Amino acid sequence: MNNSIKTDDVIFNFFKQIVDEKDDTKCLELGKNWIHAMETNLASMETNLNGADKLKHKDDIQSNRDHLDSLKIKNSAELREYATQCMIEIMNHKSQQ
């Protein structure tokens, strides 16, 4: 539980950097870095799944990939809005614990 809170804090702070970045180019770079990190995590998780679990989670993995692909075409304002919504979700999740 404590570990998940720390993870949420790290993710929240990364989204906060995206939201707070006033330079559009830097904002896009932060967004692309986040997308790349999530793609790397997703690939690692998929590699660690065995055959049955890989099949079980195939649709979820593809859905996550599609979601990340959709973020790649967003401009800086859209990325800031996305990051803001993610921060709100993290805060809501923490308040429910």
C-alpha atoms as a PDB file:
ATOM      1  CA  MET A   1       0.000   0.000   0.000  1.00  0.00           C
ATOM      2  CA  ASN A   2       2.733   2.438   0.978  1.00  0.00           C
ATOM      3  CA  ASN A   3       4.604   1.576  -2.226  1.00  0.00           C
ATOM      4  CA  SER A   4       1.549   2.413  -4.362  1.00  0.00           C
ATOM      5  CA  ILE A   5       1.233   5.799  -2.696  1.00  0.00           C
ATOM      6  CA  LYS A   6       4.847   6.556  -3.543  1.00  0.00           C
ATOM      7  CA  THR A   7       4.254   5.461  -7.127  1.00  0.00           C
ATOM      8  CA  ASP A   8       1.180   7.695  -7.339  1.00  0.00           C
ATOM      9  CA  ASP A   9       3.246  10.590  -6.006  1.00  0.00           C
ATOM     10  CA  VAL A  10       5.909  10.071  -8.664  1.00  0.00           C
ATOM     11  CA  ILE A  11       3.323   9.882 -11.427  1.00  0.00           C
ATOM     12  CA  PHE A  12       1.464  12.897 -10.036  1.00  0.00           C
ATOM     13  CA  ASN A  13       4.670  14.941  -9.959  1.00  0.00           C
ATOM     14  CA  PHE A  14       5.511  13.990 -13.525  1.00  0.00           C
ATOM     15  CA  PHE A  15       2.069  15.104 -14.699  1.00  0.00           C
ATOM     16  CA  LYS A  16       2.515  18.294 -12.698  1.00  0.00           C
ATOM     17  CA  GLN A  17       5.703  19.013 -14.659  1.00  0.00           C
ATOM     18  CA  ILE A  18       3.738  18.684 -17.899  1.00  0.00           C
ATOM     19  CA  VAL A  19       0.969  20.957 -16.627  1.00  0.00           C
ATOM     20  CA  ASP A  20       3.371  23.570 -15.251  1.00  0.00           C
ATOM     21  CA  GLU A  21       5.672  23.682 -18.288  1.00  0.00           C
ATOM     22  CA  LYS A  22       4.998  26.968 -20.101  1.00  0.00           C
ATOM     23  CA  ASP A  23       7.252  26.223 -23.081  1.00  0.00           C
ATOM     24  CA  ASP A  24       5.183  24.214 -25.585  1.00  0.00           C
ATOM     25  CA  THR A  25       8.198  22.392 -27.026  1.00  0.00           C
ATOM     26  CA  LYS A  26       9.378  21.296 -23.582  1.00  0.00           C
ATOM     27  CA  CYS A  27       5.827  20.281 -22.670  1.00  0.00           C
ATOM     28  CA  LEU A  28       5.630  18.067 -25.752  1.00  0.00           C
ATOM     29  CA  GLU A  29       9.024  16.591 -24.932  1.00  0.00           C
ATOM     30  CA  LEU A  30       7.881  15.747 -21.392  1.00  0.00           C
ATOM     31  CA  GLY A  31       4.728  14.175 -22.806  1.00  0.00           C
ATOM     32  CA  LYS A  32       6.708  12.096 -25.302  1.00  0.00           C
ATOM     33  CA  ASN A  33       9.058  10.983 -22.519  1.00  0.00           C
ATOM     34  CA  TRP A  34       6.090   9.882 -20.414  1.00  0.00           C
ATOM     35  CA  ILE A  35       4.545   7.998 -23.361  1.00  0.00           C
ATOM     36  CA  HIS A  36       7.862   6.264 -24.054  1.00  0.00           C
ATOM     37  CA  ALA A  37       8.211   5.257 -20.390  1.00  0.00           C
ATOM     38  CA  MET A  38       4.675   3.829 -20.382  1.00  0.00           C
ATOM     39  CA  GLU A  39       5.349   1.919 -23.614  1.00  0.00           C
ATOM     40  CA  THR A  40       8.506   0.487 -22.050  1.00  0.00           C
ATOM     41  CA  ASN A  41       6.574  -0.542 -18.919  1.00  0.00           C
ATOM     42  CA  LEU A  42       3.840  -2.114 -21.017  1.00  0.00           C
ATOM     43  CA  ALA A  43       6.362  -4.091 -23.082  1.00  0.00           C
ATOM     44  CA  SER A  44       8.079  -5.259 -19.894  1.00  0.00           C
ATOM     45  CA  MET A  45       4.798  -6.369 -18.347  1.00  0.00           C
ATOM     46  CA  GLU A  46       3.846  -8.230 -21.507  1.00  0.00           C
ATOM     47  CA  THR A  47       7.222  -9.988 -21.603  1.00  0.00           C
ATOM     48  CA  ASN A  48       6.710 -11.159 -18.025  1.00  0.00           C
ATOM     49  CA  LEU A  49       3.302 -12.710 -18.742  1.00  0.00           C
ATOM     50  CA  ASN A  50       3.095 -16.429 -19.446  1.00  0.00           C
ATOM     51  CA  GLY A  51       1.016 -17.828 -22.323  1.00  0.00           C
ATOM     52  CA  ALA A  52      -2.349 -18.020 -20.558  1.00  0.00           C
ATOM     53  CA  ASP A  53      -2.004 -14.652 -18.862  1.00  0.00           C
ATOM     54  CA  LYS A  54      -0.748 -13.083 -22.085  1.00  0.00           C
ATOM     55  CA  LEU A  55      -3.911 -14.242 -23.860  1.00  0.00           C
ATOM     56  CA  LYS A  56      -6.087 -13.154 -20.948  1.00  0.00           C
ATOM     57  CA  HIS A  57      -4.668  -9.624 -20.980  1.00  0.00           C
ATOM     58  CA  LYS A  58      -4.159  -9.290 -24.751  1.00  0.00           C
ATOM     59  CA  ASP A  59      -7.097  -6.896 -25.247  1.00  0.00           C
ATOM     60  CA  ASP A  60      -6.107  -4.736 -22.252  1.00  0.00           C
ATOM     61  CA  ILE A  61      -2.537  -4.497 -23.497  1.00  0.00           C
ATOM     62  CA  GLN A  62      -3.712  -3.494 -26.967  1.00  0.00           C
ATOM     63  CA  SER A  63      -6.131  -0.971 -25.472  1.00  0.00           C
ATOM     64  CA  ASN A  64      -3.278   0.599 -23.514  1.00  0.00           C
ATOM     65  CA  ARG A  65      -1.116   0.719 -26.651  1.00  0.00           C
ATOM     66  CA  ASP A  66      -3.948   2.363 -28.591  1.00  0.00           C
ATOM     67  CA  HIS A  67      -4.411   4.894 -25.796  1.00  0.00           C
ATOM     68  CA  LEU A  68      -0.710   5.763 -25.801  1.00  0.00           C
ATOM     69  CA  ASP A  69      -0.750   6.070 -29.592  1.00  0.00           C
ATOM     70  CA  SER A  70      -3.666   8.502 -29.352  1.00  0.00           C
ATOM     71  CA  LEU A  71      -1.633  10.687 -26.987  1.00  0.00           C
ATOM     72  CA  LYS A  72       1.224  10.968 -29.488  1.00  0.00           C
ATOM     73  CA  ILE A  73      -0.787  13.286 -31.738  1.00  0.00           C
ATOM     74  CA  LYS A  74      -1.865  15.698 -29.007  1.00  0.00           C
ATOM     75  CA  ASN A  75      -0.535  19.236 -28.937  1.00  0.00           C
ATOM     76  CA  SER A  76       0.872  20.856 -25.793  1.00  0.00           C
ATOM     77  CA  ALA A  77      -2.487  22.278 -24.649  1.00  0.00           C
ATOM     78  CA  GLU A  78      -4.129  18.871 -25.059  1.00  0.00           C
ATOM     79  CA  LEU A  79      -1.296  17.177 -23.173  1.00  0.00           C
ATOM     80  CA  ARG A  80      -1.639  19.686 -20.335  1.00  0.00           C
ATOM     81  CA  GLU A  81      -5.383  18.980 -20.177  1.00  0.00           C
ATOM     82  CA  TYR A  82      -4.751  15.227 -20.195  1.00  0.00           C
ATOM     83  CA  ALA A  83      -2.136  15.551 -17.447  1.00  0.00           C
ATOM     84  CA  THR A  84      -4.530  17.705 -15.403  1.00  0.00           C
ATOM     85  CA  GLN A  85      -7.261  15.062 -15.674  1.00  0.00           C
ATOM     86  CA  CYS A  86      -4.800  12.358 -14.643  1.00  0.00           C
ATOM     87  CA  MET A  87      -3.751  14.427 -11.615  1.00  0.00           C
ATOM     88  CA  ILE A  88      -7.410  14.793 -10.617  1.00  0.00           C
ATOM     89  CA  GLU A  89      -7.909  11.027 -10.908  1.00  0.00           C
ATOM     90  CA  ILE A  90      -4.854  10.380  -8.734  1.00  0.00           C
ATOM     91  CA  MET A  91      -6.128  12.819  -6.100  1.00  0.00           C
ATOM     92  CA  ASN A  92      -9.589  11.222  -6.176  1.00  0.00           C
ATOM     93  CA  HIS A  93      -8.063   7.768  -5.818  1.00  0.00           C
ATOM     94  CA  LYS A  94      -5.969   8.882  -2.833  1.00  0.00           C
ATOM     95  CA  SER A  95      -8.994  10.429  -1.120  1.00  0.00           C
ATOM     96  CA  GLN A  96     -10.871   7.118  -1.395  1.00  0.00           C
ATOM     97  CA  GLN A  97      -8.119   5.175   0.375  1.00  0.00           C
END
